[in-house]
Amino acid sequence: VEILSNQINFKNIKSFNDRHSLFEVSQSFVDSVTGTKQSLYKKIQGI
């Protein structure tokens, strides 16, 4: 969550209930960053 959160601009996200949820932060990563689900997957796999 910490790694992904550093790449998300939370100010541009209107609804965010739980920043400690990997499900929710990952969804926001896919929705708000120029990357895709595949780029998210590769990032986590690389870790």
All heavy atoms as atom14 arrays in JSON, in Angstrom:
{
  "sequence": "VEILSNQINFKNIKSFNDRHSLFEVSQSFVDSVTGTKQSLYKKIQGI",
  "atom14_mask": [
    [1, 1, 1, 1, 1, 1, 1, 0, 0, 0, 0, 0, 0, 0],
    [1, 1, 1, 1, 1, 1, 1, 1, 1, 0, 0, 0, 0, 0],
    [1, 1, 1, 1, 1, 1, 1, 1, 0, 0, 0, 0, 0, 0],
    [1, 1, 1, 1, 1, 1, 1, 1, 0, 0, 0, 0, 0, 0],
    [1, 1, 1, 1, 1, 1, 0, 0, 0, 0, 0, 0, 0, 0],
    [1, 1, 1, 1, 1, 1, 1, 1, 0, 0, 0, 0, 0, 0],
    [1, 1, 1, 1, 1, 1, 1, 1, 1, 0, 0, 0, 0, 0],
    [1, 1, 1, 1, 1, 1, 1, 1, 0, 0, 0, 0, 0, 0],
    [1, 1, 1, 1, 1, 1, 1, 1, 0, 0, 0, 0, 0, 0],
    [1, 1, 1, 1, 1, 1, 1, 1, 1, 1, 1, 0, 0, 0],
    [1, 1, 1, 1, 1, 1, 1, 1, 1, 0, 0, 0, 0, 0],
    [1, 1, 1, 1, 1, 1, 1, 1, 0, 0, 0, 0, 0, 0],
    [1, 1, 1, 1, 1, 1, 1, 1, 0, 0, 0, 0, 0, 0],
    [1, 1, 1, 1, 1, 1, 1, 1, 1, 0, 0, 0, 0, 0],
    [1, 1, 1, 1, 1, 1, 0, 0, 0, 0, 0, 0, 0, 0],
    [1, 1, 1, 1, 1, 1, 1, 1, 1, 1, 1, 0, 0, 0],
    [1, 1, 1, 1, 1, 1, 1, 1, 0, 0, 0, 0, 0, 0],
    [1, 1, 1, 1, 1, 1, 1, 1, 0, 0, 0, 0, 0, 0],
    [1, 1, 1, 1, 1, 1, 1, 1, 1, 1, 1, 0, 0, 0],
    [1, 1, 1, 1, 1, 1, 1, 1, 1, 1, 0, 0, 0, 0],
    [1, 1, 1, 1, 1, 1, 0, 0, 0, 0, 0, 0, 0, 0],
    [1, 1, 1, 1, 1, 1, 1, 1, 0, 0, 0, 0, 0, 0],
    [1, 1, 1, 1, 1, 1, 1, 1, 1, 1, 1, 0, 0, 0],
    [1, 1, 1, 1, 1, 1, 1, 1, 1, 0, 0, 0, 0, 0],
    [1, 1, 1, 1, 1, 1, 1, 0, 0, 0, 0, 0, 0, 0],
    [1, 1, 1, 1, 1, 1, 0, 0, 0, 0, 0, 0, 0, 0],
    [1, 1, 1, 1, 1, 1, 1, 1, 1, 0, 0, 0, 0, 0],
    [1, 1, 1, 1, 1, 1, 0, 0, 0, 0, 0, 0, 0, 0],
    [1, 1, 1, 1, 1, 1, 1, 1, 1, 1, 1, 0, 0, 0],
    [1, 1, 1, 1, 1, 1, 1, 0, 0, 0, 0, 0, 0, 0],
    [1, 1, 1, 1, 1, 1, 1, 1, 0, 0, 0, 0, 0, 0],
    [1, 1, 1, 1, 1, 1, 0, 0, 0, 0, 0, 0, 0, 0],
    [1, 1, 1, 1, 1, 1, 1, 0, 0, 0, 0, 0, 0, 0],
    [1, 1, 1, 1, 1, 1, 1, 0, 0, 0, 0, 0, 0, 0],
    [1, 1, 1, 1, 0, 0, 0, 0, 0, 0, 0, 0, 0, 0],
    [1, 1, 1, 1, 1, 1, 1, 0, 0, 0, 0, 0, 0, 0],
    [1, 1, 1, 1, 1, 1, 1, 1, 1, 0, 0, 0, 0, 0],
    [1, 1, 1, 1, 1, 1, 1, 1, 1, 0, 0, 0, 0, 0],
    [1, 1, 1, 1, 1, 1, 0, 0, 0, 0, 0, 0, 0, 0],
    [1, 1, 1, 1, 1, 1, 1, 1, 0, 0, 0, 0, 0, 0],
    [1, 1, 1, 1, 1, 1, 1, 1, 1, 1, 1, 1, 0, 0],
    [1, 1, 1, 1, 1, 1, 1, 1, 1, 0, 0, 0, 0, 0],
    [1, 1, 1, 1, 1, 1, 1, 1, 1, 0, 0, 0, 0, 0],
    [1, 1, 1, 1, 1, 1, 1, 1, 0, 0, 0, 0, 0, 0],
    [1, 1, 1, 1, 1, 1, 1, 1, 1, 0, 0, 0, 0, 0],
    [1, 1, 1, 1, 0, 0, 0, 0, 0, 0, 0, 0, 0, 0],
    [1, 1, 1, 1, 1, 1, 1, 1, 0, 0, 0, 0, 0, 0]
  ],
  "atom14_positions": [
    [[0.83, -1.21, 0.0], [0.0, 0.0, 0.0], [0.87, 1.26, 0.0], [0.6, 2.22, -0.72], [-0.95, 0.0, 1.23], [-1.53, 1.39, 1.45], [-2.07, -1.0, 1.03], [0.0, 0.0, 0.0], [0.0, 0.0, 0.0], [0.0, 0.0, 0.0], [0.0, 0.0, 0.0], [0.0, 0.0, 0.0], [0.0, 0.0, 0.0], [0.0, 0.0, 0.0]],
    [[1.93, 1.24, 0.8], [2.81, 2.41, 0.88], [3.48, 2.7, -0.46], [3.58, 3.85, -0.89], [3.87, 2.18, 1.96], [4.76, 3.38, 2.2], [5.74, 3.16, 3.34], [5.66, 2.11, 4.01], [6.59, 4.05, 3.56], [0.0, 0.0, 0.0], [0.0, 0.0, 0.0], [0.0, 0.0, 0.0], [0.0, 0.0, 0.0], [0.0, 0.0, 0.0]],
    [[3.94, 1.64, -1.13], [4.59, 1.81, -2.43], [3.62, 2.4, -3.44], [3.95, 3.35, -4.17], [5.13, 0.45, -2.93], [6.27, -0.03, -2.03], [5.62, 0.57, -4.39], [6.72, -1.44, -2.32], [0.0, 0.0, 0.0], [0.0, 0.0, 0.0], [0.0, 0.0, 0.0], [0.0, 0.0, 0.0], [0.0, 0.0, 0.0], [0.0, 0.0, 0.0]],
    [[2.39, 1.86, -3.5], [1.41, 2.34, -4.47], [0.91, 3.74, -4.11], [0.68, 4.57, -5.0], [0.23, 1.37, -4.54], [0.55, -0.04, -5.05], [-0.7, -0.91, -5.02], [1.11, 0.02, -6.47], [0.0, 0.0, 0.0], [0.0, 0.0, 0.0], [0.0, 0.0, 0.0], [0.0, 0.0, 0.0], [0.0, 0.0, 0.0], [0.0, 0.0, 0.0]],
    [[0.75, 3.99, -2.82], [0.22, 5.29, -2.38], [1.14, 6.44, -2.78], [0.69, 7.55, -3.05], [0.03, 5.3, -0.86], [-0.92, 4.35, -0.46], [0.0, 0.0, 0.0], [0.0, 0.0, 0.0], [0.0, 0.0, 0.0], [0.0, 0.0, 0.0], [0.0, 0.0, 0.0], [0.0, 0.0, 0.0], [0.0, 0.0, 0.0], [0.0, 0.0, 0.0]],
    [[2.44, 6.17, -2.82], [3.4, 7.21, -3.21], [3.23, 7.63, -4.66], [3.77, 8.66, -5.08], [4.83, 6.72, -2.97], [5.15, 6.6, -1.49], [4.57, 7.29, -0.67], [6.08, 5.71, -1.16], [0.0, 0.0, 0.0], [0.0, 0.0, 0.0], [0.0, 0.0, 0.0], [0.0, 0.0, 0.0], [0.0, 0.0, 0.0], [0.0, 0.0, 0.0]],
    [[2.49, 6.84, -5.44], [2.32, 7.14, -6.86], [0.91, 7.59, -7.19], [0.54, 7.69, -8.34], [2.69, 5.91, -7.69], [4.12, 5.44, -7.45], [4.49, 4.29, -8.34], [4.09, 4.22, -9.5], [5.29, 3.38, -7.82], [0.0, 0.0, 0.0], [0.0, 0.0, 0.0], [0.0, 0.0, 0.0], [0.0, 0.0, 0.0], [0.0, 0.0, 0.0]],
    [[0.1, 7.82, -6.16], [-1.28, 8.24, -6.38], [-1.5, 9.65, -5.83], [-1.08, 9.96, -4.73], [-2.27, 7.28, -5.68], [-2.14, 5.87, -6.26], [-3.71, 7.76, -5.82], [-3.0, 4.85, -5.56], [0.0, 0.0, 0.0], [0.0, 0.0, 0.0], [0.0, 0.0, 0.0], [0.0, 0.0, 0.0], [0.0, 0.0, 0.0], [0.0, 0.0, 0.0]],
    [[-2.14, 10.47, -6.61], [-2.51, 11.8, -6.15], [-3.9, 11.71, -5.51], [-4.91, 11.75, -6.19], [-2.53, 12.8, -7.32], [-2.81, 14.22, -6.85], [-3.05, 14.48, -5.67], [-2.78, 15.15, -7.78], [0.0, 0.0, 0.0], [0.0, 0.0, 0.0], [0.0, 0.0, 0.0], [0.0, 0.0, 0.0], [0.0, 0.0, 0.0], [0.0, 0.0, 0.0]],
    [[-3.93, 11.57, -4.18], [-5.2, 11.35, -3.51], [-6.14, 12.55, -3.64], [-7.34, 12.41, -3.49], [-4.96, 11.04, -2.03], [-4.38, 9.68, -1.8], [-3.06, 9.51, -1.41], [-5.16, 8.55, -1.98], [-2.53, 8.25, -1.21], [-4.64, 7.28, -1.77], [-3.33, 7.13, -1.38], [0.0, 0.0, 0.0], [0.0, 0.0, 0.0], [0.0, 0.0, 0.0]],
    [[-5.61, 13.72, -3.9], [-6.47, 14.9, -4.02], [-7.42, 14.78, -5.22], [-8.47, 15.4, -5.25], [-5.61, 16.16, -4.17], [-4.79, 16.47, -2.92], [-3.96, 17.73, -3.12], [-3.15, 18.06, -1.86], [-2.31, 19.26, -2.04], [0.0, 0.0, 0.0], [0.0, 0.0, 0.0], [0.0, 0.0, 0.0], [0.0, 0.0, 0.0], [0.0, 0.0, 0.0]],
    [[-7.03, 13.98, -6.21], [-7.86, 13.83, -7.4], [-8.88, 12.7, -7.26], [-9.61, 12.4, -8.19], [-6.97, 13.56, -8.63], [-6.07, 14.75, -8.93], [-6.42, 15.89, -8.61], [-4.92, 14.48, -9.52], [0.0, 0.0, 0.0], [0.0, 0.0, 0.0], [0.0, 0.0, 0.0], [0.0, 0.0, 0.0], [0.0, 0.0, 0.0], [0.0, 0.0, 0.0]],
    [[-8.91, 12.05, -6.1], [-9.83, 10.95, -5.88], [-10.94, 11.43, -4.97], [-10.72, 11.78, -3.82], [-9.1, 9.74, -5.25], [-7.97, 9.29, -6.18], [-10.07, 8.6, -5.0], [-7.11, 8.2, -5.58], [0.0, 0.0, 0.0], [0.0, 0.0, 0.0], [0.0, 0.0, 0.0], [0.0, 0.0, 0.0], [0.0, 0.0, 0.0], [0.0, 0.0, 0.0]],
    [[-12.17, 11.45, -5.48], [-13.29, 12.0, -4.72], [-13.7, 11.11, -3.55], [-14.05, 11.57, -2.49], [-14.49, 12.21, -5.66], [-14.24, 13.26, -6.74], [-15.45, 13.43, -7.62], [-15.21, 14.48, -8.7], [-16.38, 14.65, -9.59], [0.0, 0.0, 0.0], [0.0, 0.0, 0.0], [0.0, 0.0, 0.0], [0.0, 0.0, 0.0], [0.0, 0.0, 0.0]],
    [[-13.69, 9.79, -3.76], [-14.16, 8.88, -2.74], [-13.06, 7.89, -2.37], [-12.57, 7.16, -3.22], [-15.39, 8.12, -3.24], [-15.79, 7.15, -2.31], [0.0, 0.0, 0.0], [0.0, 0.0, 0.0], [0.0, 0.0, 0.0], [0.0, 0.0, 0.0], [0.0, 0.0, 0.0], [0.0, 0.0, 0.0], [0.0, 0.0, 0.0], [0.0, 0.0, 0.0]],
    [[-12.67, 7.9, -1.11], [-11.61, 7.0, -0.67], [-11.87, 6.65, 0.79], [-11.64, 7.45, 1.68], [-10.24, 7.67, -0.83], [-9.14, 6.68, -1.08], [-8.48, 6.66, -2.29], [-8.78, 5.77, -0.11], [-7.48, 5.75, -2.54], [-7.78, 4.85, -0.34], [-7.12, 4.84, -1.55], [0.0, 0.0, 0.0], [0.0, 0.0, 0.0], [0.0, 0.0, 0.0]],
    [[-12.36, 5.43, 1.04], [-12.77, 5.06, 2.39], [-11.63, 4.56, 3.26], [-11.59, 4.8, 4.45], [-13.88, 3.99, 2.33], [-15.16, 4.52, 1.73], [-15.53, 5.66, 1.98], [-15.82, 3.71, 0.93], [0.0, 0.0, 0.0], [0.0, 0.0, 0.0], [0.0, 0.0, 0.0], [0.0, 0.0, 0.0], [0.0, 0.0, 0.0], [0.0, 0.0, 0.0]],
    [[-10.7, 3.81, 2.66], [-9.68, 3.15, 3.47], [-8.35, 3.1, 2.73], [-8.14, 2.26, 1.86], [-10.14, 1.73, 3.82], [-9.2, 1.03, 4.78], [-8.19, 1.65, 5.18], [-9.47, -0.12, 5.14], [0.0, 0.0, 0.0], [0.0, 0.0, 0.0], [0.0, 0.0, 0.0], [0.0, 0.0, 0.0], [0.0, 0.0, 0.0], [0.0, 0.0, 0.0]],
    [[-7.45, 4.0, 3.08], [-6.15, 4.03, 2.42], [-5.23, 2.9, 2.87], [-4.12, 2.77, 2.36], [-5.47, 5.38, 2.69], [-6.18, 6.54, 2.04], [-5.37, 7.82, 2.16], [-6.11, 8.96, 1.63], [-5.63, 10.19, 1.58], [-4.42, 10.45, 2.04], [-6.35, 11.17, 1.09], [0.0, 0.0, 0.0], [0.0, 0.0, 0.0], [0.0, 0.0, 0.0]],
    [[-5.67, 2.11, 3.83], [-4.88, 0.97, 4.27], [-5.3, -0.32, 3.56], [-4.71, -1.37, 3.79], [-5.01, 0.78, 5.79], [-4.44, 1.92, 6.58], [-3.1, 2.02, 6.87], [-5.03, 3.01, 7.1], [-2.89, 3.13, 7.57], [-4.03, 3.74, 7.72], [0.0, 0.0, 0.0], [0.0, 0.0, 0.0], [0.0, 0.0, 0.0], [0.0, 0.0, 0.0]],
    [[-6.33, -0.23, 2.73], [-6.81, -1.4, 2.0], [-6.06, -1.53, 0.68], [-6.11, -0.64, -0.17], [-8.32, -1.26, 1.72], [-8.72, -2.19, 0.73], [0.0, 0.0, 0.0], [0.0, 0.0, 0.0], [0.0, 0.0, 0.0], [0.0, 0.0, 0.0], [0.0, 0.0, 0.0], [0.0, 0.0, 0.0], [0.0, 0.0, 0.0], [0.0, 0.0, 0.0]],
    [[-5.37, -2.66, 0.5], [-4.66, -2.88, -0.76], [-5.64, -2.98, -1.92], [-5.36, -2.49, -3.01], [-3.81, -4.16, -0.68], [-3.01, -4.5, -1.94], [-2.04, -3.38, -2.29], [-2.26, -5.82, -1.77], [0.0, 0.0, 0.0], [0.0, 0.0, 0.0], [0.0, 0.0, 0.0], [0.0, 0.0, 0.0], [0.0, 0.0, 0.0], [0.0, 0.0, 0.0]],
    [[-6.8, -3.6, -1.69], [-7.82, -3.67, -2.73], [-8.18, -2.27, -3.23], [-8.22, -2.0, -4.42], [-9.09, -4.36, -2.21], [-8.97, -5.83, -1.98], [-9.78, -6.48, -1.05], [-8.05, -6.59, -2.67], [-9.68, -7.84, -0.83], [-7.93, -7.96, -2.46], [-8.75, -8.58, -1.54], [0.0, 0.0, 0.0], [0.0, 0.0, 0.0], [0.0, 0.0, 0.0]],
    [[-8.46, -1.38, -2.27], [-8.93, -0.04, -2.64], [-7.82, 0.81, -3.23], [-8.03, 1.52, -4.22], [-9.53, 0.65, -1.41], [-10.27, 1.93, -1.76], [-11.16, 2.42, -0.64], [-11.39, 1.66, 0.31], [-11.62, 3.58, -0.73], [0.0, 0.0, 0.0], [0.0, 0.0, 0.0], [0.0, 0.0, 0.0], [0.0, 0.0, 0.0], [0.0, 0.0, 0.0]],
    [[-6.62, 0.74, -2.64], [-5.5, 1.52, -3.16], [-5.1, 1.02, -4.55], [-4.8, 1.81, -5.44], [-4.3, 1.45, -2.2], [-3.06, 2.07, -2.82], [-4.62, 2.18, -0.89], [0.0, 0.0, 0.0], [0.0, 0.0, 0.0], [0.0, 0.0, 0.0], [0.0, 0.0, 0.0], [0.0, 0.0, 0.0], [0.0, 0.0, 0.0], [0.0, 0.0, 0.0]],
    [[-5.13, -0.3, -4.76], [-4.8, -0.86, -6.07], [-5.81, -0.41, -7.11], [-5.46, -0.08, -8.25], [-4.77, -2.38, -6.01], [-3.74, -2.84, -5.17], [0.0, 0.0, 0.0], [0.0, 0.0, 0.0], [0.0, 0.0, 0.0], [0.0, 0.0, 0.0], [0.0, 0.0, 0.0], [0.0, 0.0, 0.0], [0.0, 0.0, 0.0], [0.0, 0.0, 0.0]],
    [[-7.09, -0.38, -6.73], [-8.12, 0.07, -7.65], [-7.89, 1.53, -8.02], [-8.02, 1.92, -9.19], [-9.51, -0.09, -7.03], [-10.66, 0.14, -8.0], [-10.71, -0.91, -9.08], [-10.8, -2.1, -8.79], [-10.66, -0.5, -10.33], [0.0, 0.0, 0.0], [0.0, 0.0, 0.0], [0.0, 0.0, 0.0], [0.0, 0.0, 0.0], [0.0, 0.0, 0.0]],
    [[-7.53, 2.34, -7.03], [-7.25, 3.75, -7.29], [-6.01, 3.91, -8.16], [-5.95, 4.81, -9.0], [-7.05, 4.51, -5.96], [-8.23, 4.48, -5.2], [0.0, 0.0, 0.0], [0.0, 0.0, 0.0], [0.0, 0.0, 0.0], [0.0, 0.0, 0.0], [0.0, 0.0, 0.0], [0.0, 0.0, 0.0], [0.0, 0.0, 0.0], [0.0, 0.0, 0.0]],
    [[-5.02, 3.04, -7.96], [-3.82, 3.06, -8.8], [-4.2, 2.84, -10.26], [-3.77, 3.56, -11.16], [-2.85, 1.98, -8.33], [-1.58, 1.89, -9.14], [-0.46, 2.62, -8.79], [-1.51, 1.08, -10.26], [0.71, 2.54, -9.53], [-0.34, 0.99, -11.02], [0.77, 1.72, -10.64], [0.0, 0.0, 0.0], [0.0, 0.0, 0.0], [0.0, 0.0, 0.0]],
    [[-5.04, 1.83, -10.5], [-5.47, 1.51, -11.87], [-6.31, 2.64, -12.45], [-6.19, 3.0, -13.62], [-6.26, 0.19, -11.89], [-6.85, -0.06, -13.26], [-5.35, -0.97, -11.51], [0.0, 0.0, 0.0], [0.0, 0.0, 0.0], [0.0, 0.0, 0.0], [0.0, 0.0, 0.0], [0.0, 0.0, 0.0], [0.0, 0.0, 0.0], [0.0, 0.0, 0.0]],
    [[-7.17, 3.23, -11.61], [-8.11, 4.25, -12.09], [-7.45, 5.61, -12.31], [-7.87, 6.38, -13.17], [-9.27, 4.42, -11.11], [-10.15, 3.18, -11.05], [-10.06, 2.36, -11.98], [-10.9, 3.03, -10.07], [0.0, 0.0, 0.0], [0.0, 0.0, 0.0], [0.0, 0.0, 0.0], [0.0, 0.0, 0.0], [0.0, 0.0, 0.0], [0.0, 0.0, 0.0]],
    [[-6.42, 5.93, -11.51], [-5.93, 7.31, -11.53], [-4.54, 7.48, -12.13], [-4.15, 8.58, -12.48], [-5.91, 7.87, -10.1], [-4.98, 7.15, -9.31], [0.0, 0.0, 0.0], [0.0, 0.0, 0.0], [0.0, 0.0, 0.0], [0.0, 0.0, 0.0], [0.0, 0.0, 0.0], [0.0, 0.0, 0.0], [0.0, 0.0, 0.0], [0.0, 0.0, 0.0]],
    [[-3.79, 6.41, -12.24], [-2.44, 6.51, -12.78], [-2.46, 6.13, -14.25], [-3.36, 5.45, -14.71], [-1.47, 5.59, -11.98], [-0.05, 5.68, -12.5], [-1.51, 5.99, -10.52], [0.0, 0.0, 0.0], [0.0, 0.0, 0.0], [0.0, 0.0, 0.0], [0.0, 0.0, 0.0], [0.0, 0.0, 0.0], [0.0, 0.0, 0.0], [0.0, 0.0, 0.0]],
    [[-1.47, 6.58, -14.97], [-1.44, 6.3, -16.41], [-1.23, 4.82, -16.7], [-1.33, 4.39, -17.83], [-0.3, 7.1, -17.08], [0.93, 6.81, -16.4], [-0.59, 8.58, -17.01], [0.0, 0.0, 0.0], [0.0, 0.0, 0.0], [0.0, 0.0, 0.0], [0.0, 0.0, 0.0], [0.0, 0.0, 0.0], [0.0, 0.0, 0.0], [0.0, 0.0, 0.0]],
    [[-0.93, 4.04, -15.67], [-0.73, 2.61, -15.86], [-2.04, 1.85, -15.99], [-3.12, 2.42, -16.06], [0.0, 0.0, 0.0], [0.0, 0.0, 0.0], [0.0, 0.0, 0.0], [0.0, 0.0, 0.0], [0.0, 0.0, 0.0], [0.0, 0.0, 0.0], [0.0, 0.0, 0.0], [0.0, 0.0, 0.0], [0.0, 0.0, 0.0], [0.0, 0.0, 0.0]],
    [[-1.94, 0.53, -16.05], [-3.1, -0.34, -16.21], [-3.03, -1.44, -15.16], [-2.12, -1.48, -14.34], [-3.09, -0.98, -17.6], [-1.89, -1.77, -17.72], [-3.12, 0.08, -18.69], [0.0, 0.0, 0.0], [0.0, 0.0, 0.0], [0.0, 0.0, 0.0], [0.0, 0.0, 0.0], [0.0, 0.0, 0.0], [0.0, 0.0, 0.0], [0.0, 0.0, 0.0]],
    [[-4.01, -2.34, -15.2], [-3.98, -3.49, -14.3], [-2.7, -4.3, -14.52], [-2.09, -4.81, -13.58], [-5.22, -4.36, -14.55], [-5.17, -5.74, -13.93], [-5.34, -5.71, -12.44], [-5.14, -7.11, -11.84], [-6.12, -8.08, -12.29], [0.0, 0.0, 0.0], [0.0, 0.0, 0.0], [0.0, 0.0, 0.0], [0.0, 0.0, 0.0], [0.0, 0.0, 0.0]],
    [[-2.27, -4.4, -15.77], [-1.07, -5.18, -16.06], [0.18, -4.52, -15.47], [1.06, -5.19, -14.94], [-0.9, -5.38, -17.57], [0.18, -6.37, -17.93], [0.15, -6.79, -19.37], [-0.62, -6.25, -20.16], [0.97, -7.75, -19.75], [0.0, 0.0, 0.0], [0.0, 0.0, 0.0], [0.0, 0.0, 0.0], [0.0, 0.0, 0.0], [0.0, 0.0, 0.0]],
    [[0.24, -3.19, -15.55], [1.4, -2.5, -14.98], [1.4, -2.63, -13.46], [2.45, -2.74, -12.83], [1.4, -1.02, -15.39], [0.3, -0.33, -14.82], [0.0, 0.0, 0.0], [0.0, 0.0, 0.0], [0.0, 0.0, 0.0], [0.0, 0.0, 0.0], [0.0, 0.0, 0.0], [0.0, 0.0, 0.0], [0.0, 0.0, 0.0], [0.0, 0.0, 0.0]],
    [[0.2, -2.62, -12.85], [0.1, -2.82, -11.41], [0.59, -4.22, -11.04], [1.37, -4.39, -10.09], [-1.37, -2.65, -10.97], [-1.71, -3.08, -9.55], [-1.06, -2.16, -8.54], [-3.23, -3.1, -9.35], [0.0, 0.0, 0.0], [0.0, 0.0, 0.0], [0.0, 0.0, 0.0], [0.0, 0.0, 0.0], [0.0, 0.0, 0.0], [0.0, 0.0, 0.0]],
    [[0.15, -5.2, -11.79], [0.54, -6.59, -11.54], [2.06, -6.75, -11.65], [2.69, -7.38, -10.8], [-0.18, -7.49, -12.55], [0.45, -8.84, -12.74], [0.29, -9.85, -11.8], [1.21, -9.1, -13.87], [0.87, -11.09, -11.98], [1.8, -10.34, -14.06], [1.63, -11.34, -13.11], [2.22, -12.55, -13.3], [0.0, 0.0, 0.0], [0.0, 0.0, 0.0]],
    [[2.65, -6.18, -12.69], [4.09, -6.31, -12.88], [4.85, -5.64, -11.73], [5.91, -6.12, -11.31], [4.49, -5.69, -14.22], [4.08, -6.54, -15.42], [4.56, -5.91, -16.72], [4.2, -6.8, -17.91], [4.64, -6.19, -19.19], [0.0, 0.0, 0.0], [0.0, 0.0, 0.0], [0.0, 0.0, 0.0], [0.0, 0.0, 0.0], [0.0, 0.0, 0.0]],
    [[4.31, -4.54, -11.23], [4.97, -3.84, -10.13], [4.97, -4.71, -8.87], [6.0, -4.86, -8.21], [4.25, -2.51, -9.86], [4.9, -1.66, -8.78], [4.19, -0.34, -8.65], [4.41, 0.53, -9.86], [5.83, 0.95, -9.99], [0.0, 0.0, 0.0], [0.0, 0.0, 0.0], [0.0, 0.0, 0.0], [0.0, 0.0, 0.0], [0.0, 0.0, 0.0]],
    [[3.83, -5.32, -8.57], [3.74, -6.17, -7.38], [4.56, -7.44, -7.57], [5.28, -7.88, -6.66], [2.27, -6.51, -7.08], [1.51, -5.24, -6.68], [2.17, -7.55, -5.96], [0.04, -5.44, -6.42], [0.0, 0.0, 0.0], [0.0, 0.0, 0.0], [0.0, 0.0, 0.0], [0.0, 0.0, 0.0], [0.0, 0.0, 0.0], [0.0, 0.0, 0.0]],
    [[4.5, -8.01, -8.76], [5.28, -9.23, -9.03], [6.77, -8.96, -8.88], [7.52, -9.78, -8.35], [4.97, -9.75, -10.42], [5.62, -11.11, -10.71], [5.49, -11.51, -12.16], [5.69, -10.69, -13.05], [5.16, -12.77, -12.4], [0.0, 0.0, 0.0], [0.0, 0.0, 0.0], [0.0, 0.0, 0.0], [0.0, 0.0, 0.0], [0.0, 0.0, 0.0]],
    [[7.2, -7.78, -9.34], [8.61, -7.42, -9.24], [9.08, -7.33, -7.8], [10.24, -7.64, -7.48], [0.0, 0.0, 0.0], [0.0, 0.0, 0.0], [0.0, 0.0, 0.0], [0.0, 0.0, 0.0], [0.0, 0.0, 0.0], [0.0, 0.0, 0.0], [0.0, 0.0, 0.0], [0.0, 0.0, 0.0], [0.0, 0.0, 0.0], [0.0, 0.0, 0.0]],
    [[8.19, -6.91, -6.9], [8.54, -6.8, -5.49], [8.78, -8.18, -4.89], [9.66, -8.37, -4.06], [7.42, -6.06, -4.73], [7.3, -4.61, -5.23], [7.67, -6.08, -3.23], [6.09, -3.88, -4.7], [0.0, 0.0, 0.0], [0.0, 0.0, 0.0], [0.0, 0.0, 0.0], [0.0, 0.0, 0.0], [0.0, 0.0, 0.0], [0.0, 0.0, 0.0]]
  ]
}
